[in-house]
Amino acid sequence: MRIVILIAFFLIIGSLASALFFMMRDRGGTPNMMRSLMFRVGFSVALFVFILFSHWMGWIQSTGIRMAP
């Protein structure tokens, strides 16, 4: 499970770096930067949904602070 989450984080960071590269190179003349940012948002939402689904299926357990009654 950790490997899947790490790969998703690397995809998110790589997409953000790609958007920075296109922003510096193209100066907004092409839609490449927006496409890279769109992929970053998509990867982030997919990772969030995957973590929620994994918790629901019991593949991962929460270990956070317990809520007081």
PDB file of N, CA and C in Angstrom:
ATOM      1  N   MET A   1       0.821  -1.183   0.000  1.00  0.00           N
ATOM      2  CA  MET A   1       0.000   0.000   0.000  1.00  0.00           C
ATOM      3  C   MET A   1       0.872   1.258   0.000  1.00  0.00           C
ATOM      4  N   ARG A   2       1.960   1.199   0.746  1.00  0.00           N
ATOM      5  CA  ARG A   2       2.852   2.362   0.787  1.00  0.00           C
ATOM      6  C   ARG A   2       3.448   2.675  -0.573  1.00  0.00           C
ATOM      7  N   ILE A   3       3.736   1.634  -1.335  1.00  0.00           N
ATOM      8  CA  ILE A   3       4.335   1.838  -2.656  1.00  0.00           C
ATOM      9  C   ILE A   3       3.359   2.551  -3.582  1.00  0.00           C
ATOM     10  N   VAL A   4       2.084   2.168  -3.527  1.00  0.00           N
ATOM     11  CA  VAL A   4       1.071   2.813  -4.367  1.00  0.00           C
ATOM     12  C   VAL A   4       0.945   4.292  -4.013  1.00  0.00           C
ATOM     13  N   ILE A   5       0.924   4.596  -2.723  1.00  0.00           N
ATOM     14  CA  ILE A   5       0.796   5.984  -2.280  1.00  0.00           C
ATOM     15  C   ILE A   5       2.049   6.785  -2.647  1.00  0.00           C
ATOM     16  N   LEU A   6       3.226   6.194  -2.497  1.00  0.00           N
ATOM     17  CA  LEU A   6       4.465   6.887  -2.885  1.00  0.00           C
ATOM     18  C   LEU A   6       4.503   7.170  -4.390  1.00  0.00           C
ATOM     19  N   ILE A   7       4.064   6.214  -5.182  1.00  0.00           N
ATOM     20  CA  ILE A   7       4.027   6.428  -6.628  1.00  0.00           C
ATOM     21  C   ILE A   7       3.072   7.564  -6.964  1.00  0.00           C
ATOM     22  N   ALA A   8       1.924   7.610  -6.297  1.00  0.00           N
ATOM     23  CA  ALA A   8       0.970   8.693  -6.536  1.00  0.00           C
ATOM     24  C   ALA A   8       1.567  10.039  -6.151  1.00  0.00           C
ATOM     25  N   PHE A   9       2.277  10.103  -5.024  1.00  0.00           N
ATOM     26  CA  PHE A   9       2.919  11.352  -4.633  1.00  0.00           C
ATOM     27  C   PHE A   9       3.971  11.780  -5.649  1.00  0.00           C
ATOM     28  N   PHE A  10       4.734  10.847  -6.159  1.00  0.00           N
ATOM     29  CA  PHE A  10       5.735  11.189  -7.166  1.00  0.00           C
ATOM     30  C   PHE A  10       5.077  11.680  -8.458  1.00  0.00           C
ATOM     31  N   LEU A  11       3.946  11.090  -8.817  1.00  0.00           N
ATOM     32  CA  LEU A  11       3.214  11.568  -9.994  1.00  0.00           C
ATOM     33  C   LEU A  11       2.705  12.996  -9.779  1.00  0.00           C
ATOM     34  N   ILE A  12       2.220  13.282  -8.576  1.00  0.00           N
ATOM     35  CA  ILE A  12       1.726  14.627  -8.269  1.00  0.00           C
ATOM     36  C   ILE A  12       2.861  15.638  -8.326  1.00  0.00           C
ATOM     37  N   ILE A  13       3.982  15.321  -7.704  1.00  0.00           N
ATOM     38  CA  ILE A  13       5.133  16.228  -7.703  1.00  0.00           C
ATOM     39  C   ILE A  13       5.697  16.381  -9.113  1.00  0.00           C
ATOM     40  N   GLY A  14       5.760  15.292  -9.871  1.00  0.00           N
ATOM     41  CA  GLY A  14       6.244  15.368 -11.246  1.00  0.00           C
ATOM     42  C   GLY A  14       5.350  16.222 -12.124  1.00  0.00           C
ATOM     43  N   SER A  15       4.058  16.123 -11.931  1.00  0.00           N
ATOM     44  CA  SER A  15       3.133  16.945 -12.705  1.00  0.00           C
ATOM     45  C   SER A  15       3.275  18.420 -12.338  1.00  0.00           C
ATOM     46  N   LEU A  16       3.498  18.691 -11.060  1.00  0.00           N
ATOM     47  CA  LEU A  16       3.712  20.072 -10.630  1.00  0.00           C
ATOM     48  C   LEU A  16       5.014  20.626 -11.211  1.00  0.00           C
ATOM     49  N   ALA A  17       6.065  19.814 -11.234  1.00  0.00           N
ATOM     50  CA  ALA A  17       7.334  20.242 -11.827  1.00  0.00           C
ATOM     51  C   ALA A  17       7.178  20.462 -13.333  1.00  0.00           C
ATOM     52  N   SER A  18       6.389  19.618 -13.969  1.00  0.00           N
ATOM     53  CA  SER A  18       6.136  19.787 -15.401  1.00  0.00           C
ATOM     54  C   SER A  18       5.407  21.101 -15.674  1.00  0.00           C
ATOM     55  N   ALA A  19       4.442  21.437 -14.825  1.00  0.00           N
ATOM     56  CA  ALA A  19       3.724  22.702 -14.994  1.00  0.00           C
ATOM     57  C   ALA A  19       4.671  23.884 -14.816  1.00  0.00           C
ATOM     58  N   LEU A  20       5.579  23.791 -13.849  1.00  0.00           N
ATOM     59  CA  LEU A  20       6.564  24.859 -13.656  1.00  0.00           C
ATOM     60  C   LEU A  20       7.467  24.992 -14.873  1.00  0.00           C
ATOM     61  N   PHE A  21       7.892  23.872 -15.427  1.00  0.00           N
ATOM     62  CA  PHE A  21       8.739  23.895 -16.622  1.00  0.00           C
ATOM     63  C   PHE A  21       8.024  24.565 -17.784  1.00  0.00           C
ATOM     64  N   PHE A  22       6.760  24.174 -18.020  1.00  0.00           N
ATOM     65  CA  PHE A  22       6.010  24.771 -19.125  1.00  0.00           C
ATOM     66  C   PHE A  22       5.713  26.239 -18.879  1.00  0.00           C
ATOM     67  N   MET A  23       5.518  26.613 -17.609  1.00  0.00           N
ATOM     68  CA  MET A  23       5.268  28.019 -17.315  1.00  0.00           C
ATOM     69  C   MET A  23       6.505  28.861 -17.639  1.00  0.00           C
ATOM     70  N   MET A  24       7.680  28.347 -17.329  1.00  0.00           N
ATOM     71  CA  MET A  24       8.908  29.096 -17.589  1.00  0.00           C
ATOM     72  C   MET A  24       9.270  29.086 -19.079  1.00  0.00           C
ATOM     73  N   ARG A  25       9.008  27.990 -19.770  1.00  0.00           N
ATOM     74  CA  ARG A  25       9.412  27.871 -21.163  1.00  0.00           C
ATOM     75  C   ARG A  25       8.412  28.524 -22.116  1.00  0.00           C
ATOM     76  N   ASP A  26       7.132  28.232 -21.942  1.00  0.00           N
ATOM     77  CA  ASP A  26       6.125  28.677 -22.909  1.00  0.00           C
ATOM     78  C   ASP A  26       5.555  30.052 -22.605  1.00  0.00           C
ATOM     79  N   ARG A  27       5.662  30.495 -21.370  1.00  0.00           N
ATOM     80  CA  ARG A  27       5.093  31.789 -20.943  1.00  0.00           C
ATOM     81  C   ARG A  27       3.585  31.853 -21.172  1.00  0.00           C
ATOM     82  N   GLY A  28       2.903  30.714 -21.038  1.00  0.00           N
ATOM     83  CA  GLY A  28       1.454  30.690 -21.171  1.00  0.00           C
ATOM     84  C   GLY A  28       0.960  30.682 -22.600  1.00  0.00           C
ATOM     85  N   GLY A  29       1.846  30.478 -23.563  1.00  0.00           N
ATOM     86  CA  GLY A  29       1.442  30.493 -24.966  1.00  0.00           C
ATOM     87  C   GLY A  29       0.770  29.217 -25.421  1.00  0.00           C
ATOM     88  N   THR A  30       0.987  28.132 -24.703  1.00  0.00           N
ATOM     89  CA  THR A  30       0.382  26.849 -25.061  1.00  0.00           C
ATOM     90  C   THR A  30      -0.400  26.318 -23.860  1.00  0.00           C
ATOM     91  N   PRO A  31      -1.295  25.377 -24.092  1.00  0.00           N
ATOM     92  CA  PRO A  31      -2.089  24.839 -22.980  1.00  0.00           C
ATOM     93  C   PRO A  31      -1.372  23.766 -22.153  1.00  0.00           C
ATOM     94  N   ASN A  32      -0.063  23.611 -22.349  1.00  0.00           N
ATOM     95  CA  ASN A  32       0.671  22.552 -21.647  1.00  0.00           C
ATOM     96  C   ASN A  32       0.663  22.737 -20.143  1.00  0.00           C
ATOM     97  N   MET A  33       0.817  23.973 -19.661  1.00  0.00           N
ATOM     98  CA  MET A  33       0.847  24.209 -18.227  1.00  0.00           C
ATOM     99  C   MET A  33      -0.506  23.864 -17.611  1.00  0.00           C
ATOM    100  N   MET A  34      -1.586  24.283 -18.236  1.00  0.00           N
ATOM    101  CA  MET A  34      -2.912  23.984 -17.700  1.00  0.00           C
ATOM    102  C   MET A  34      -3.185  22.481 -17.716  1.00  0.00           C
ATOM    103  N   ARG A  35      -2.720  21.804 -18.736  1.00  0.00           N
ATOM    104  CA  ARG A  35      -2.896  20.356 -18.805  1.00  0.00           C
ATOM    105  C   ARG A  35      -2.135  19.664 -17.673  1.00  0.00           C
ATOM    106  N   SER A  36      -0.915  20.134 -17.390  1.00  0.00           N
ATOM    107  CA  SER A  36      -0.134  19.552 -16.299  1.00  0.00           C
ATOM    108  C   SER A  36      -0.802  19.797 -14.947  1.00  0.00           C
ATOM    109  N   LEU A  37      -1.332  20.993 -14.752  1.00  0.00           N
ATOM    110  CA  LEU A  37      -2.027  21.283 -13.496  1.00  0.00           C
ATOM    111  C   LEU A  37      -3.326  20.488 -13.386  1.00  0.00           C
ATOM    112  N   MET A  38      -3.985  20.263 -14.521  1.00  0.00           N
ATOM    113  CA  MET A  38      -5.198  19.450 -14.518  1.00  0.00           C
ATOM    114  C   MET A  38      -4.872  18.010 -14.110  1.00  0.00           C
ATOM    115  N   PHE A  39      -3.770  17.465 -14.621  1.00  0.00           N
ATOM    116  CA  PHE A  39      -3.354  16.123 -14.228  1.00  0.00           C
ATOM    117  C   PHE A  39      -2.995  16.073 -12.742  1.00  0.00           C
ATOM    118  N   ARG A  40      -2.376  17.134 -12.231  1.00  0.00           N
ATOM    119  CA  ARG A  40      -2.017  17.166 -10.814  1.00  0.00           C
ATOM    120  C   ARG A  40      -3.257  17.117  -9.947  1.00  0.00           C
ATOM    121  N   VAL A  41      -4.257  17.890 -10.301  1.00  0.00           N
ATOM    122  CA  VAL A  41      -5.508  17.874  -9.545  1.00  0.00           C
ATOM    123  C   VAL A  41      -6.174  16.501  -9.656  1.00  0.00           C
ATOM    124  N   GLY A  42      -6.157  15.934 -10.840  1.00  0.00           N
ATOM    125  CA  GLY A  42      -6.736  14.601 -11.030  1.00  0.00           C
ATOM    126  C   GLY A  42      -6.025  13.541 -10.208  1.00  0.00           C
ATOM    127  N   PHE A  43      -4.687  13.571 -10.195  1.00  0.00           N
ATOM    128  CA  PHE A  43      -3.921  12.619  -9.384  1.00  0.00           C
ATOM    129  C   PHE A  43      -4.217  12.811  -7.903  1.00  0.00           C
ATOM    130  N   SER A  44      -4.341  14.057  -7.460  1.00  0.00           N
ATOM    131  CA  SER A  44      -4.609  14.327  -6.047  1.00  0.00           C
ATOM    132  C   SER A  44      -5.984  13.811  -5.636  1.00  0.00           C
ATOM    133  N   VAL A  45      -6.982  14.053  -6.464  1.00  0.00           N
ATOM    134  CA  VAL A  45      -8.331  13.573  -6.162  1.00  0.00           C
ATOM    135  C   VAL A  45      -8.363  12.047  -6.192  1.00  0.00           C
ATOM    136  N   ALA A  46      -7.698  11.444  -7.161  1.00  0.00           N
ATOM    137  CA  ALA A  46      -7.657   9.985  -7.248  1.00  0.00           C
ATOM    138  C   ALA A  46      -6.968   9.386  -6.026  1.00  0.00           C
ATOM    139  N   LEU A  47      -5.888  10.010  -5.557  1.00  0.00           N
ATOM    140  CA  LEU A  47      -5.206   9.512  -4.361  1.00  0.00           C
ATOM    141  C   LEU A  47      -6.111   9.613  -3.140  1.00  0.00           C
ATOM    142  N   PHE A  48      -6.816  10.725  -2.994  1.00  0.00           N
ATOM    143  CA  PHE A  48      -7.722  10.904  -1.867  1.00  0.00           C
ATOM    144  C   PHE A  48      -8.829   9.853  -1.885  1.00  0.00           C
ATOM    145  N   VAL A  49      -9.434   9.636  -3.048  1.00  0.00           N
ATOM    146  CA  VAL A  49     -10.500   8.632  -3.172  1.00  0.00           C
ATOM    147  C   VAL A  49      -9.951   7.236  -2.912  1.00  0.00           C
ATOM    148  N   PHE A  50      -8.743   6.956  -3.386  1.00  0.00           N
ATOM    149  CA  PHE A  50      -8.132   5.647  -3.161  1.00  0.00           C
ATOM    150  C   PHE A  50      -7.872   5.411  -1.673  1.00  0.00           C
ATOM    151  N   ILE A  51      -7.413   6.441  -0.955  1.00  0.00           N
ATOM    152  CA  ILE A  51      -7.177   6.290   0.481  1.00  0.00           C
ATOM    153  C   ILE A  51      -8.500   6.064   1.211  1.00  0.00           C
ATOM    154  N   LEU A  52      -9.546   6.798   0.853  1.00  0.00           N
ATOM    155  CA  LEU A  52     -10.851   6.572   1.472  1.00  0.00           C
ATOM    156  C   LEU A  52     -11.363   5.154   1.187  1.00  0.00           C
ATOM    157  N   PHE A  53     -11.235   4.713  -0.050  1.00  0.00           N
ATOM    158  CA  PHE A  53     -11.673   3.364  -0.415  1.00  0.00           C
ATOM    159  C   PHE A  53     -10.860   2.302   0.323  1.00  0.00           C
ATOM    160  N   SER A  54      -9.551   2.511   0.443  1.00  0.00           N
ATOM    161  CA  SER A  54      -8.691   1.555   1.144  1.00  0.00           C
ATOM    162  C   SER A  54      -9.078   1.453   2.612  1.00  0.00           C
ATOM    163  N   HIS A  55      -9.411   2.570   3.217  1.00  0.00           N
ATOM    164  CA  HIS A  55      -9.837   2.543   4.620  1.00  0.00           C
ATOM    165  C   HIS A  55     -11.175   1.823   4.752  1.00  0.00           C
ATOM    166  N   TRP A  56     -12.092   2.062   3.824  1.00  0.00           N
ATOM    167  CA  TRP A  56     -13.394   1.418   3.846  1.00  0.00           C
ATOM    168  C   TRP A  56     -13.274  -0.094   3.668  1.00  0.00           C
ATOM    169  N   MET A  57     -12.336  -0.523   2.809  1.00  0.00           N
ATOM    170  CA  MET A  57     -12.135  -1.955   2.572  1.00  0.00           C
ATOM    171  C   MET A  57     -11.333  -2.630   3.686  1.00  0.00           C
ATOM    172  N   GLY A  58     -10.714  -1.834   4.557  1.00  0.00           N
ATOM    173  CA  GLY A  58      -9.935  -2.401   5.643  1.00  0.00           C
ATOM    174  C   GLY A  58      -8.492  -2.684   5.292  1.00  0.00           C
ATOM    175  N   TRP A  59      -8.033  -2.185   4.150  1.00  0.00           N
ATOM    176  CA  TRP A  59      -6.653  -2.413   3.740  1.00  0.00           C
ATOM    177  C   TRP A  59      -5.687  -1.571   4.563  1.00  0.00           C
ATOM    178  N   ILE A  60      -6.137  -0.417   5.029  1.00  0.00           N
ATOM    179  CA  ILE A  60      -5.326   0.439   5.890  1.00  0.00           C
ATOM    180  C   ILE A  60      -6.144   0.772   7.130  1.00  0.00           C
ATOM    181  N   GLN A  61      -5.451   1.063   8.214  1.00  0.00           N
ATOM    182  CA  GLN A  61      -6.097   1.408   9.471  1.00  0.00           C
ATOM    183  C   GLN A  61      -5.698   2.819   9.869  1.00  0.00           C
ATOM    184  N   SER A  62      -6.628   3.557  10.443  1.00  0.00           N
ATOM    185  CA  SER A  62      -6.297   4.896  10.919  1.00  0.00           C
ATOM    186  C   SER A  62      -5.579   4.778  12.266  1.00  0.00           C
ATOM    187  N   THR A  63      -4.585   5.628  12.462  1.00  0.00           N
ATOM    188  CA  THR A  63      -3.820   5.606  13.705  1.00  0.00           C
ATOM    189  C   THR A  63      -3.706   7.008  14.285  1.00  0.00           C
ATOM    190  N   GLY A  64      -4.649   7.850  14.008  1.00  0.00           N
ATOM    191  CA  GLY A  64      -4.595   9.240  14.426  1.00  0.00           C
ATOM    192  C   GLY A  64      -5.025   9.443  15.865  1.00  0.00           C
ATOM    193  N   ILE A  65      -5.265  10.680  16.203  1.00  0.00           N
ATOM    194  CA  ILE A  65      -5.676  11.058  17.545  1.00  0.00           C
ATOM    195  C   ILE A  65      -7.134  10.627  17.746  1.00  0.00           C
ATOM    196  N   ARG A  66      -7.408  10.010  18.881  1.00  0.00           N
ATOM    197  CA  ARG A  66      -8.769   9.565  19.151  1.00  0.00           C
ATOM    198  C   ARG A  66      -9.630  10.734  19.581  1.00  0.00           C
ATOM    199  N   MET A  67     -10.867  10.727  19.130  1.00  0.00           N
ATOM    200  CA  MET A  67     -11.816  11.782  19.458  1.00  0.00           C
ATOM    201  C   MET A  67     -12.385  11.550  20.858  1.00  0.00           C
ATOM    202  N   ALA A  68     -12.501  12.625  21.639  1.00  0.00           N
ATOM    203  CA  ALA A  68     -13.080  12.532  22.981  1.00  0.00           C
ATOM    204  C   ALA A  68     -14.600  12.440  22.867  1.00  0.00           C
ATOM    205  N   PRO A  69     -15.244  11.655  23.736  1.00  0.00           N
ATOM    206  CA  PRO A  69     -16.713  11.523  23.654  1.00  0.00           C
ATOM    207  C   PRO A  69     -17.447  12.763  24.072  1.00  0.00           C
TER     208      PRO A  69
END
